[in-house]
C-alpha cells in the first residue's frame, strides 16, 4: 500500500501565509457594506463574503483572509476604511 502525503494545510481561507485578517461585528455597518468591502479587499466571490459577514455578525468575529503580513495589512486597511474593526494576527 502506497502512503500519500498531503501538503501541510493551515486554516482554510483565501490565500496562503502565516498571517490572517479577522473582522469584528459592529452595529454601524450594514451587511451589504461589509460584503462589498470584503469583495473589494480580498477579491473573494459574493457568496464567500456573505458567509464571512454572517459569521462576524452571529459569532462576533470572522477570519476573512490568509496571506503574508504585507498582504494582510493591505486587506485590513481597506476593510477598516469603512469602520469595521480588523486585526492582523500570526498563526
N, C-alpha and C. Protein backbone atom coordinates (compact mmCIF):
# COMPACT_ATOMS: atom_id res chain seq x y z
N UNK A 1 0.84 -1.17 0.00
CA UNK A 1 0.00 0.00 0.00
C UNK A 1 0.89 1.24 0.00
N UNK A 2 0.60 2.18 -0.89
CA UNK A 2 1.39 3.40 -1.01
C UNK A 2 0.88 4.47 -0.04
N UNK A 3 1.80 5.15 0.61
CA UNK A 3 1.45 6.24 1.52
C UNK A 3 1.37 7.54 0.73
N UNK A 4 0.28 8.25 0.90
CA UNK A 4 0.11 9.54 0.23
C UNK A 4 0.31 10.63 1.26
N UNK A 5 1.20 11.56 0.94
CA UNK A 5 1.46 12.69 1.84
C UNK A 5 0.75 13.91 1.29
N UNK A 6 -0.15 14.45 2.09
CA UNK A 6 -0.88 15.65 1.69
C UNK A 6 -0.07 16.87 2.07
N UNK A 7 -0.20 17.96 1.31
CA UNK A 7 0.50 19.18 1.68
C UNK A 7 0.00 19.71 3.01
N UNK A 8 0.90 20.37 3.75
CA UNK A 8 0.50 20.94 5.04
C UNK A 8 -0.59 21.97 4.81
N UNK A 9 -1.60 21.91 5.62
CA UNK A 9 -2.71 22.84 5.49
C UNK A 9 -2.91 23.56 6.80
N UNK A 10 -3.06 24.86 6.70
CA UNK A 10 -3.37 25.65 7.89
C UNK A 10 -4.88 25.83 7.90
N UNK A 11 -5.36 26.96 8.27
CA UNK A 11 -6.79 27.22 8.25
C UNK A 11 -7.26 27.44 6.82
N UNK A 12 -8.48 27.00 6.49
CA UNK A 12 -8.97 27.26 5.15
C UNK A 12 -9.16 28.76 4.96
N UNK A 13 -8.92 29.23 3.76
CA UNK A 13 -9.07 30.65 3.55
C UNK A 13 -8.81 31.07 2.13
N UNK A 14 -8.51 32.33 1.96
CA UNK A 14 -8.39 32.90 0.63
C UNK A 14 -6.97 32.96 0.12
N UNK A 15 -6.01 32.50 0.90
CA UNK A 15 -4.62 32.57 0.46
C UNK A 15 -3.75 31.72 1.35
N UNK A 16 -2.46 31.77 1.10
CA UNK A 16 -1.50 31.03 1.89
C UNK A 16 -0.59 32.03 2.58
N UNK A 17 -0.18 31.71 3.77
CA UNK A 17 0.73 32.56 4.51
C UNK A 17 0.58 32.32 5.98
N UNK A 18 1.38 33.03 6.73
CA UNK A 18 1.41 32.84 8.18
C UNK A 18 0.59 33.86 8.94
N UNK A 19 -0.18 34.69 8.25
CA UNK A 19 -0.99 35.74 8.89
C UNK A 19 -2.43 35.64 8.43
N UNK A 20 -3.31 36.20 9.25
CA UNK A 20 -4.72 36.22 8.89
C UNK A 20 -5.33 37.57 9.28
N UNK A 21 -6.43 37.89 8.62
CA UNK A 21 -7.20 39.09 8.94
C UNK A 21 -8.50 38.64 9.57
N UNK A 22 -8.80 39.23 10.72
CA UNK A 22 -10.05 38.95 11.42
C UNK A 22 -10.88 40.23 11.39
N UNK A 23 -12.18 40.08 11.12
CA UNK A 23 -13.09 41.22 11.26
C UNK A 23 -13.98 40.98 12.46
N UNK A 24 -14.48 42.08 13.03
CA UNK A 24 -15.33 42.00 14.21
C UNK A 24 -16.68 42.64 13.92
N UNK A 25 -17.71 42.10 14.51
CA UNK A 25 -19.05 42.62 14.35
C UNK A 25 -19.15 44.03 14.91
N UNK A 26 -20.00 44.84 14.29
CA UNK A 26 -20.34 46.15 14.85
C UNK A 26 -21.80 46.44 14.54
N UNK A 27 -22.32 47.49 15.14
CA UNK A 27 -23.71 47.87 14.91
C UNK A 27 -23.83 49.06 13.98
N UNK A 28 -22.76 49.36 13.27
CA UNK A 28 -22.72 50.53 12.40
C UNK A 28 -22.91 50.17 10.93
N UNK A 29 -22.16 49.18 10.45
CA UNK A 29 -22.17 48.84 9.04
C UNK A 29 -23.27 47.84 8.70
N UNK A 30 -23.87 48.02 7.54
CA UNK A 30 -24.89 47.08 7.07
C UNK A 30 -24.21 45.83 6.51
N UNK A 31 -24.98 44.76 6.39
CA UNK A 31 -24.47 43.54 5.78
C UNK A 31 -23.93 43.84 4.38
N UNK A 32 -24.69 44.59 3.60
CA UNK A 32 -24.27 44.88 2.23
C UNK A 32 -22.95 45.64 2.18
N UNK A 33 -22.75 46.58 3.09
CA UNK A 33 -21.48 47.33 3.14
C UNK A 33 -20.31 46.40 3.42
N UNK A 34 -20.49 45.51 4.39
CA UNK A 34 -19.40 44.61 4.76
C UNK A 34 -19.13 43.61 3.64
N UNK A 35 -20.17 43.05 3.07
CA UNK A 35 -19.99 42.12 1.95
C UNK A 35 -19.21 42.80 0.83
N UNK A 36 -19.61 44.01 0.49
CA UNK A 36 -18.94 44.73 -0.60
C UNK A 36 -17.47 44.99 -0.29
N UNK A 37 -17.16 45.47 0.91
CA UNK A 37 -15.76 45.80 1.23
C UNK A 37 -14.91 44.54 1.30
N UNK A 38 -15.48 43.42 1.73
CA UNK A 38 -14.71 42.17 1.73
C UNK A 38 -14.37 41.75 0.30
N UNK A 39 -15.32 41.92 -0.61
CA UNK A 39 -15.05 41.60 -2.01
C UNK A 39 -13.97 42.50 -2.58
N UNK A 40 -14.06 43.79 -2.28
CA UNK A 40 -13.06 44.75 -2.77
C UNK A 40 -11.68 44.42 -2.20
N UNK A 41 -11.62 44.18 -0.90
CA UNK A 41 -10.33 43.98 -0.23
C UNK A 41 -9.67 42.65 -0.56
N UNK A 42 -10.48 41.59 -0.68
CA UNK A 42 -9.89 40.25 -0.83
C UNK A 42 -10.07 39.65 -2.22
N UNK A 43 -10.99 40.19 -3.00
CA UNK A 43 -11.27 39.62 -4.32
C UNK A 43 -12.08 38.34 -4.26
N UNK A 44 -12.70 38.08 -3.10
CA UNK A 44 -13.47 36.85 -2.95
C UNK A 44 -14.84 36.99 -3.62
N UNK A 45 -15.48 35.86 -3.93
CA UNK A 45 -16.82 35.91 -4.52
C UNK A 45 -17.86 36.37 -3.49
N UNK A 46 -18.99 36.83 -4.00
CA UNK A 46 -20.08 37.33 -3.16
C UNK A 46 -20.46 36.32 -2.08
N UNK A 47 -20.60 35.06 -2.45
CA UNK A 47 -21.06 34.03 -1.52
C UNK A 47 -20.11 33.88 -0.33
N UNK A 48 -18.80 33.95 -0.59
CA UNK A 48 -17.82 33.85 0.49
C UNK A 48 -17.90 35.06 1.42
N UNK A 49 -17.98 36.25 0.82
CA UNK A 49 -18.08 37.48 1.62
C UNK A 49 -19.36 37.47 2.46
N UNK A 50 -20.43 36.96 1.90
CA UNK A 50 -21.70 36.87 2.62
C UNK A 50 -21.58 35.93 3.82
N UNK A 51 -20.94 34.78 3.63
CA UNK A 51 -20.74 33.83 4.73
C UNK A 51 -19.88 34.43 5.84
N UNK A 52 -18.81 35.11 5.46
CA UNK A 52 -17.92 35.72 6.45
C UNK A 52 -18.63 36.84 7.22
N UNK A 53 -19.45 37.60 6.53
CA UNK A 53 -20.22 38.66 7.18
C UNK A 53 -21.22 38.06 8.16
N UNK A 54 -21.89 37.00 7.75
CA UNK A 54 -22.83 36.30 8.63
C UNK A 54 -22.11 35.80 9.88
N UNK A 55 -20.93 35.20 9.67
CA UNK A 55 -20.17 34.66 10.79
C UNK A 55 -19.77 35.76 11.77
N UNK A 56 -19.30 36.89 11.27
CA UNK A 56 -18.91 38.00 12.14
C UNK A 56 -20.13 38.50 12.92
N UNK A 57 -21.26 38.60 12.25
CA UNK A 57 -22.47 39.10 12.90
C UNK A 57 -22.95 38.15 14.00
N UNK A 58 -22.95 36.86 13.72
CA UNK A 58 -23.51 35.89 14.66
C UNK A 58 -22.51 35.36 15.68
N UNK A 59 -21.24 35.38 15.35
CA UNK A 59 -20.22 34.84 16.26
C UNK A 59 -19.29 35.91 16.82
N UNK A 60 -19.47 37.14 16.35
CA UNK A 60 -18.67 38.24 16.87
C UNK A 60 -17.41 38.52 16.11
N UNK A 61 -16.93 37.55 15.34
CA UNK A 61 -15.72 37.75 14.54
C UNK A 61 -15.67 36.70 13.44
N UNK A 62 -14.84 36.98 12.44
CA UNK A 62 -14.66 36.02 11.35
C UNK A 62 -13.27 36.18 10.76
N UNK A 63 -12.65 35.06 10.43
CA UNK A 63 -11.38 35.06 9.70
C UNK A 63 -11.73 35.26 8.24
N UNK A 64 -11.15 36.29 7.60
CA UNK A 64 -11.57 36.61 6.24
C UNK A 64 -10.45 36.53 5.20
N UNK A 65 -9.20 36.44 5.63
CA UNK A 65 -8.12 36.40 4.64
C UNK A 65 -6.88 35.80 5.27
N UNK A 66 -6.14 35.01 4.49
CA UNK A 66 -4.90 34.39 4.94
C UNK A 66 -3.83 34.67 3.89
N UNK A 67 -2.71 35.23 4.33
CA UNK A 67 -1.64 35.58 3.40
C UNK A 67 -0.40 35.97 4.20
N UNK A 68 0.58 36.59 3.52
CA UNK A 68 1.74 37.10 4.25
C UNK A 68 1.36 38.40 4.95
N UNK A 69 2.24 38.90 5.78
CA UNK A 69 1.94 40.07 6.61
C UNK A 69 1.58 41.30 5.76
N UNK A 70 2.34 41.56 4.74
CA UNK A 70 2.09 42.74 3.90
C UNK A 70 0.71 42.71 3.26
N UNK A 71 0.34 41.57 2.72
CA UNK A 71 -0.98 41.43 2.09
C UNK A 71 -2.09 41.56 3.12
N UNK A 72 -1.92 40.96 4.28
CA UNK A 72 -2.96 41.07 5.33
C UNK A 72 -3.09 42.51 5.82
N UNK A 73 -1.99 43.22 5.95
CA UNK A 73 -2.06 44.63 6.35
C UNK A 73 -2.82 45.45 5.30
N UNK A 74 -2.58 45.15 4.02
CA UNK A 74 -3.27 45.86 2.93
C UNK A 74 -4.78 45.60 3.00
N UNK A 75 -5.15 44.33 3.15
CA UNK A 75 -6.57 43.94 3.22
C UNK A 75 -7.23 44.58 4.44
N UNK A 76 -6.59 44.51 5.59
CA UNK A 76 -7.15 45.08 6.82
C UNK A 76 -7.36 46.58 6.69
N UNK A 77 -6.43 47.25 6.03
CA UNK A 77 -6.55 48.70 5.84
C UNK A 77 -7.78 49.06 5.00
N UNK A 78 -8.02 48.30 3.96
CA UNK A 78 -9.18 48.54 3.10
C UNK A 78 -10.47 48.29 3.88
N UNK A 79 -10.53 47.17 4.59
CA UNK A 79 -11.74 46.83 5.34
C UNK A 79 -12.01 47.86 6.43
N UNK A 80 -10.98 48.26 7.15
CA UNK A 80 -11.18 49.20 8.26
C UNK A 80 -11.52 50.61 7.77
N UNK A 81 -11.32 50.87 6.48
CA UNK A 81 -11.63 52.21 5.94
C UNK A 81 -13.12 52.55 6.04
N UNK A 82 -13.99 51.53 6.22
CA UNK A 82 -15.43 51.81 6.38
C UNK A 82 -15.87 51.70 7.84
N UNK A 83 -14.90 51.52 8.73
CA UNK A 83 -15.23 51.47 10.15
C UNK A 83 -15.34 50.09 10.76
N UNK A 84 -15.07 49.06 9.99
CA UNK A 84 -15.08 47.70 10.52
C UNK A 84 -13.75 47.47 11.23
N UNK A 85 -13.82 47.04 12.49
CA UNK A 85 -12.59 46.76 13.24
C UNK A 85 -11.94 45.49 12.71
N UNK A 86 -10.64 45.56 12.49
CA UNK A 86 -9.89 44.41 11.98
C UNK A 86 -8.71 44.13 12.90
N UNK A 87 -8.18 42.95 12.76
CA UNK A 87 -6.96 42.57 13.46
C UNK A 87 -6.17 41.66 12.53
N UNK A 88 -4.88 41.91 12.43
CA UNK A 88 -3.99 41.02 11.69
C UNK A 88 -3.22 40.23 12.72
N UNK A 89 -3.26 38.91 12.59
CA UNK A 89 -2.56 38.08 13.57
C UNK A 89 -1.77 36.97 12.88
N UNK A 90 -0.74 36.52 13.57
CA UNK A 90 0.08 35.42 13.09
C UNK A 90 -0.52 34.13 13.64
N UNK A 91 -0.48 33.10 12.83
CA UNK A 91 -0.95 31.80 13.34
C UNK A 91 0.02 30.72 12.96
